Amino acid sequence: MRITEDGLLEGARYIASPNCDARPVNARIELIVIHNISLPPGEFGGPGIVELFLNRLDRAAHAYFAGIAQLRVSAHFLLRRDGEIIQFVPCTQRAWHAGVSLWCGRERCNDFSVGIELEGADDIPFADVQYAQLVSLIAAIKVRYPIADIAGHSDIAPGRKTDPGAAFDWGRIK
């Protein structure tokens, strides 16, 4: 895997999310944030995640969607259960994945991080192929950017977020 100068992962499917903007001037990408997501919760393989990141989530498609369809969120990458990688935001731009966040005394983690969503849930084991793809993706990001840390969403937003959750095996990526 290779990240281009434009911040795109070669070979990944790219679907541009409108939920991004420019990083602050002179922002250095130094953090990778790992998340999990499934829409509806605990269900995999459907279009919900993509539709959410494109602001096209159908409120009527599932009862859960009515409460989140108004959100404007994204991530740089989504790793599907089958290992497919979809990129929504170039790494050179700020994806809206972290929300109110703090890491090592620095607020606004979106400014200096890359967000990776794993299709999954806190309490459901992730697929072996997801770990394999995640390890390769992290390596590619580290070649392109001066990554100092890898954290979970729960680490940068404790008390507010729980992902990637207890089922995530940190030992498989570090």
Protein backbone atom coordinates (compact mmCIF):
# COMPACT_ATOMS: atom_id res chain seq x y z
CA MET A 1 0.00 0.00 0.00
CA ARG A 2 1.06 3.53 -0.67
CA ILE A 3 -0.36 6.95 0.19
CA THR A 4 0.19 9.49 -2.60
CA GLU A 5 1.29 13.08 -2.10
CA ASP A 6 -2.39 14.02 -2.50
CA GLY A 7 -3.22 11.87 0.52
CA LEU A 8 -4.97 9.10 -1.39
CA LEU A 9 -4.40 5.39 -0.86
CA GLU A 10 -3.47 3.76 -4.14
CA GLY A 11 -5.91 0.99 -5.02
CA ALA A 12 -8.59 1.99 -2.52
CA ARG A 13 -12.09 2.83 -3.66
CA TYR A 14 -12.48 6.59 -3.23
CA ILE A 15 -15.90 8.06 -2.45
CA ALA A 16 -15.59 11.77 -1.66
CA SER A 17 -17.39 12.84 1.50
CA PRO A 18 -18.46 16.47 1.82
CA ASN A 19 -17.77 16.22 5.56
CA CYS A 20 -14.23 17.53 5.57
CA ASP A 21 -12.30 20.74 5.30
CA ALA A 22 -8.78 22.11 5.20
CA ARG A 23 -6.41 21.30 8.02
CA PRO A 24 -4.99 24.30 9.89
CA VAL A 25 -1.95 25.87 8.28
CA ASN A 26 1.22 23.96 9.20
CA ALA A 27 -0.74 21.10 10.81
CA ARG A 28 1.34 17.91 11.00
CA ILE A 29 -0.44 14.57 10.81
CA GLU A 30 0.87 12.84 13.93
CA LEU A 31 -1.97 10.65 15.21
CA ILE A 32 -4.02 7.73 13.90
CA VAL A 33 -7.42 7.30 15.53
CA ILE A 34 -9.13 3.90 15.33
CA HIS A 35 -12.91 3.74 15.45
CA ASN A 36 -15.63 1.20 14.82
CA ILE A 37 -18.99 1.68 13.18
CA SER A 38 -21.91 -0.44 12.04
CA LEU A 39 -25.21 0.81 10.68
CA PRO A 40 -27.64 -0.28 11.87
CA PRO A 41 -25.73 -1.14 15.05
CA GLY A 42 -24.40 -4.70 15.00
CA GLU A 43 -25.29 -5.23 11.33
CA PHE A 44 -22.64 -5.40 8.65
CA GLY A 45 -22.38 -5.10 4.88
CA GLY A 46 -25.16 -2.63 4.19
CA PRO A 47 -24.98 0.86 2.67
CA GLY A 48 -25.60 2.74 5.93
CA ILE A 49 -22.03 3.79 6.71
CA VAL A 50 -21.38 5.12 3.22
CA GLU A 51 -24.74 6.89 3.17
CA LEU A 52 -24.02 8.50 6.56
CA PHE A 53 -20.63 9.79 5.39
CA LEU A 54 -22.28 11.21 2.24
CA ASN A 55 -25.17 12.87 4.15
CA ARG A 56 -27.68 10.61 2.38
CA LEU A 57 -28.79 8.34 5.22
CA ASP A 58 -32.50 7.51 4.79
CA ARG A 59 -34.22 8.24 8.12
CA ALA A 60 -37.01 5.84 7.21
CA ALA A 61 -34.73 2.88 6.39
CA HIS A 62 -34.22 1.93 10.06
CA ALA A 63 -35.50 3.34 13.35
CA TYR A 64 -31.92 4.04 14.50
CA PHE A 65 -31.20 6.22 11.47
CA ALA A 66 -33.74 8.89 12.47
CA GLY A 67 -31.54 9.88 15.41
CA ILE A 68 -28.28 10.17 13.45
CA ALA A 69 -29.20 11.23 9.91
CA GLN A 70 -28.53 14.89 10.73
CA LEU A 71 -24.91 14.20 11.75
CA ARG A 72 -22.17 15.50 9.51
CA VAL A 73 -19.33 13.03 10.02
CA SER A 74 -16.70 11.20 8.00
CA ALA A 75 -13.43 9.35 8.31
CA HIS A 76 -10.43 9.08 6.07
CA PHE A 77 -10.83 5.31 5.71
CA LEU A 78 -13.37 2.55 6.26
CA LEU A 79 -12.19 -1.05 6.51
CA ARG A 80 -15.09 -3.36 5.68
CA ARG A 81 -15.47 -6.81 7.26
CA ASP A 82 -14.30 -8.41 3.98
CA GLY A 83 -11.12 -6.31 3.92
CA GLU A 84 -12.24 -3.73 1.36
CA ILE A 85 -10.82 -0.28 2.04
CA ILE A 86 -12.90 2.74 1.12
CA GLN A 87 -11.40 6.21 1.40
CA PHE A 88 -13.73 9.15 1.99
CA VAL A 89 -11.33 12.03 2.66
CA PRO A 90 -7.75 12.53 1.46
CA CYS A 91 -5.30 12.42 4.35
CA THR A 92 -4.23 15.94 3.43
CA GLN A 93 -7.68 17.19 4.50
CA ARG A 94 -9.39 17.17 7.89
CA ALA A 95 -12.07 14.48 8.18
CA TRP A 96 -14.76 14.97 10.80
CA HIS A 97 -14.27 11.80 12.84
CA ALA A 98 -13.02 12.73 16.30
CA GLY A 99 -15.49 15.33 17.53
CA VAL A 100 -14.67 16.99 20.83
CA SER A 101 -11.34 15.38 21.61
CA LEU A 102 -8.05 15.65 23.46
CA TRP A 103 -4.75 13.78 23.04
CA CYS A 104 -1.59 14.50 25.03
CA GLY A 105 -2.87 17.94 25.97
CA ARG A 106 -3.88 18.87 22.42
CA GLU A 107 -7.52 19.56 21.60
CA ARG A 108 -9.25 19.16 18.22
CA CYS A 109 -7.68 15.86 17.20
CA ASN A 110 -9.21 16.14 13.72
CA ASP A 111 -6.61 18.84 13.03
CA PHE A 112 -3.66 16.45 13.32
CA SER A 113 -5.03 12.93 12.88
CA VAL A 114 -6.12 10.34 10.35
CA GLY A 115 -9.35 8.55 11.21
CA ILE A 116 -9.80 4.87 10.39
CA GLU A 117 -13.21 3.24 10.86
CA LEU A 118 -13.45 -0.53 11.16
CA GLU A 119 -16.81 -1.98 10.26
CA GLY A 120 -17.68 -3.58 13.55
CA ALA A 121 -18.92 -3.12 17.08
CA ASP A 122 -17.33 -2.81 20.52
CA ASP A 123 -18.22 -6.36 21.54
CA ILE A 124 -17.94 -8.31 18.26
CA PRO A 125 -14.49 -9.62 17.22
CA PHE A 126 -13.06 -8.00 14.14
CA ALA A 127 -12.17 -10.11 11.09
CA ASP A 128 -8.62 -11.32 10.53
CA VAL A 129 -8.58 -9.62 7.13
CA GLN A 130 -9.46 -6.31 8.80
CA TYR A 131 -6.42 -6.57 11.05
CA ALA A 132 -4.20 -7.48 8.09
CA GLN A 133 -5.46 -4.51 6.09
CA LEU A 134 -5.20 -2.22 9.11
CA VAL A 135 -1.57 -3.16 9.73
CA SER A 136 -0.74 -2.47 6.07
CA LEU A 137 -2.67 0.81 6.06
CA ILE A 138 -0.97 2.02 9.23
CA ALA A 139 2.42 1.19 7.70
CA ALA A 140 1.56 3.18 4.56
CA ILE A 141 0.37 6.16 6.61
CA LYS A 142 3.58 6.06 8.68
CA VAL A 143 5.70 6.15 5.53
CA ARG A 144 3.94 9.33 4.37
CA TYR A 145 3.38 11.15 7.70
CA PRO A 146 5.29 11.55 11.00
CA ILE A 147 2.90 9.46 13.10
CA ALA A 148 3.77 9.61 16.81
CA ASP A 149 0.78 7.71 18.25
CA ILE A 150 -2.15 5.44 17.54
CA ALA A 151 -5.20 5.82 19.75
CA GLY A 152 -8.76 4.64 19.96
CA HIS A 153 -11.70 7.00 19.79
CA SER A 154 -12.28 6.11 23.45
CA ASP A 155 -8.77 7.37 24.27
CA ILE A 156 -9.30 10.82 22.77
CA ALA A 157 -12.93 11.20 23.91
CA PRO A 158 -13.14 9.23 27.18
CA GLY A 159 -16.57 9.03 28.72
CA ARG A 160 -18.13 10.05 25.40
CA LYS A 161 -16.94 7.26 23.11
CA THR A 162 -16.17 3.56 23.65
CA ASP A 163 -14.79 2.47 20.29
CA PRO A 164 -12.95 0.58 19.01
CA GLY A 165 -14.14 -1.37 22.05
CA ALA A 166 -13.21 -4.39 24.12
CA ALA A 167 -13.25 -6.72 21.11
CA PHE A 168 -10.43 -4.80 19.42
CA ASP A 169 -7.07 -6.57 19.86
CA TRP A 170 -4.45 -3.82 20.16
CA GLY A 171 -1.70 -6.44 20.21
CA ARG A 172 -2.40 -7.27 16.58
CA ILE A 173 -1.43 -3.80 15.35
CA LYS A 174 1.36 -2.71 17.67
